Amino acid sequence: QVQLVESGGDLVQAGESLRLSCVGSGPSYNPSVMAWYRQVPGQERDFIAGIYVNGLTKYADSVKGRFTISKDRRMRTVYLQMDSLKPEDSAVYYCHAEQGPVQYWGKGTLVNVSS
């Protein structure tokens, strides 16, 4: 059974940095792309950053230049380095993985940025 487990969420002040991690596991786990999404209560879950197995990355405009997604060689762990955090970055951050037609989600980690 595939599992995605996020960690690294915390309460920080505006301007500070955080690094989120997502570890994927399971006997058949072999994703082609992993990504981070975030969701504020009452709002839709939004794409933040994604990385393909070949290293290609994509970012939402709202985080370009501040957030960096990276992975380990086998794409079992994905990181999200978040710099220059703003109060509007406060949300639950979810890890997402795609493997063919199958999608996996983690349970999320809370990031709270105070002004």
Protein backbone atom coordinates (compact mmCIF):
# COMPACT_ATOMS: atom_id res chain seq x y z
CA GLN A 1 0.00 0.00 0.00
CA VAL A 2 1.43 3.35 -1.05
CA GLN A 3 1.76 6.04 1.58
CA LEU A 4 2.87 9.66 1.39
CA VAL A 5 3.90 11.24 4.67
CA GLU A 6 4.58 14.96 4.95
CA SER A 7 6.56 16.68 7.67
CA GLY A 8 8.14 20.04 8.44
CA GLY A 9 5.11 22.24 8.94
CA ASP A 10 5.42 24.79 11.71
CA LEU A 11 4.50 28.24 12.98
CA VAL A 12 6.96 30.85 11.72
CA GLN A 13 7.15 34.59 11.30
CA ALA A 14 6.91 36.39 7.99
CA GLY A 15 10.23 36.42 6.17
CA GLU A 16 11.43 33.17 7.68
CA SER A 17 11.99 29.85 5.92
CA LEU A 18 10.69 26.31 6.23
CA ARG A 19 11.55 23.05 4.53
CA LEU A 20 8.82 20.49 4.01
CA SER A 21 9.51 16.85 3.29
CA CYS A 22 7.36 14.14 1.77
CA VAL A 23 8.37 10.50 1.92
CA GLY A 24 6.66 8.02 -0.36
CA SER A 25 6.67 4.30 0.37
CA GLY A 26 5.05 1.10 -0.74
CA PRO A 27 5.99 -2.08 -2.57
CA SER A 28 4.98 -0.71 -5.98
CA TYR A 29 5.69 2.94 -5.47
CA ASN A 30 7.31 4.41 -8.58
CA PRO A 31 5.88 7.85 -9.37
CA SER A 32 6.51 9.82 -12.54
CA VAL A 33 5.75 13.15 -10.91
CA MET A 34 5.42 14.50 -7.39
CA ALA A 35 4.00 17.82 -6.33
CA TRP A 36 2.98 20.04 -3.48
CA TYR A 37 -0.46 21.57 -3.12
CA ARG A 38 -1.87 23.76 -0.39
CA GLN A 39 -5.32 24.41 0.93
CA VAL A 40 -6.86 27.05 3.14
CA PRO A 41 -10.09 26.05 4.93
CA GLY A 42 -13.07 26.83 2.75
CA GLN A 43 -10.98 27.18 -0.39
CA GLU A 44 -9.86 24.86 -3.17
CA ARG A 45 -6.63 22.93 -3.02
CA ASP A 46 -4.10 24.78 -5.17
CA PHE A 47 -1.04 23.53 -7.02
CA ILE A 48 2.20 25.00 -5.69
CA ALA A 49 5.12 23.13 -7.22
CA GLY A 50 5.80 19.92 -9.11
CA ILE A 51 8.82 17.89 -10.14
CA TYR A 52 9.11 15.16 -12.73
CA VAL A 53 11.33 12.12 -12.57
CA ASN A 54 13.66 13.80 -15.09
CA GLY A 55 14.05 16.80 -12.80
CA LEU A 56 11.80 19.21 -14.67
CA THR A 57 10.06 21.55 -12.25
CA LYS A 58 6.99 23.77 -12.38
CA TYR A 59 5.77 26.43 -9.96
CA ALA A 60 2.68 28.46 -9.31
CA ASP A 61 3.23 32.15 -10.00
CA SER A 62 2.52 32.96 -6.37
CA VAL A 63 5.63 31.11 -5.17
CA LYS A 64 8.11 31.51 -8.04
CA GLY A 65 11.43 32.77 -6.78
CA ARG A 66 10.59 31.95 -3.15
CA PHE A 67 9.90 28.21 -3.13
CA THR A 68 12.09 25.42 -4.49
CA ILE A 69 11.05 21.84 -5.04
CA SER A 70 13.63 19.08 -5.13
CA LYS A 71 13.80 15.30 -4.91
CA ASP A 72 16.12 12.49 -4.08
CA ARG A 73 17.55 10.41 -6.89
CA ARG A 74 14.90 7.69 -6.69
CA MET A 75 12.00 10.15 -6.24
CA ARG A 76 11.06 8.58 -2.91
CA THR A 77 11.45 11.86 -1.04
CA VAL A 78 10.45 15.30 -2.24
CA TYR A 79 11.27 18.55 -0.52
CA LEU A 80 9.79 22.01 -0.62
CA GLN A 81 12.13 24.78 0.48
CA MET A 82 10.04 27.81 1.32
CA ASP A 83 11.84 31.13 1.74
CA SER A 84 10.59 34.64 2.39
CA LEU A 85 7.35 33.26 3.77
CA LYS A 86 4.30 35.49 3.83
CA PRO A 87 1.15 35.28 5.95
CA GLU A 88 -0.77 34.35 2.79
CA ASP A 89 1.36 31.20 2.54
CA SER A 90 -0.41 29.86 5.62
CA ALA A 91 -2.23 26.66 4.69
CA VAL A 92 -2.18 22.90 4.97
CA TYR A 93 0.41 21.62 2.51
CA TYR A 94 -0.26 18.32 0.80
CA CYS A 95 2.09 16.01 -1.05
CA HIS A 96 0.81 14.47 -4.28
CA ALA A 97 2.19 11.75 -6.52
CA GLU A 98 1.14 10.34 -9.86
CA GLN A 99 1.89 6.83 -11.05
CA GLY A 100 0.25 6.17 -14.38
CA PRO A 101 -3.47 6.81 -13.88
CA VAL A 102 -3.23 6.52 -10.10
CA GLN A 103 -2.91 9.53 -7.82
CA TYR A 104 -1.79 9.50 -4.21
CA TRP A 105 -2.18 12.15 -1.52
CA GLY A 106 -0.61 12.63 1.86
CA LYS A 107 -2.57 13.80 4.89
CA GLY A 108 -0.95 17.23 4.96
CA THR A 109 1.24 19.35 7.18
CA LEU A 110 0.22 22.73 8.58
CA VAL A 111 2.20 25.86 7.83
CA ASN A 112 1.27 28.98 9.74
CA VAL A 113 3.02 32.26 8.97
CA SER A 114 2.44 35.12 11.37
CA SER A 115 2.83 38.76 10.40
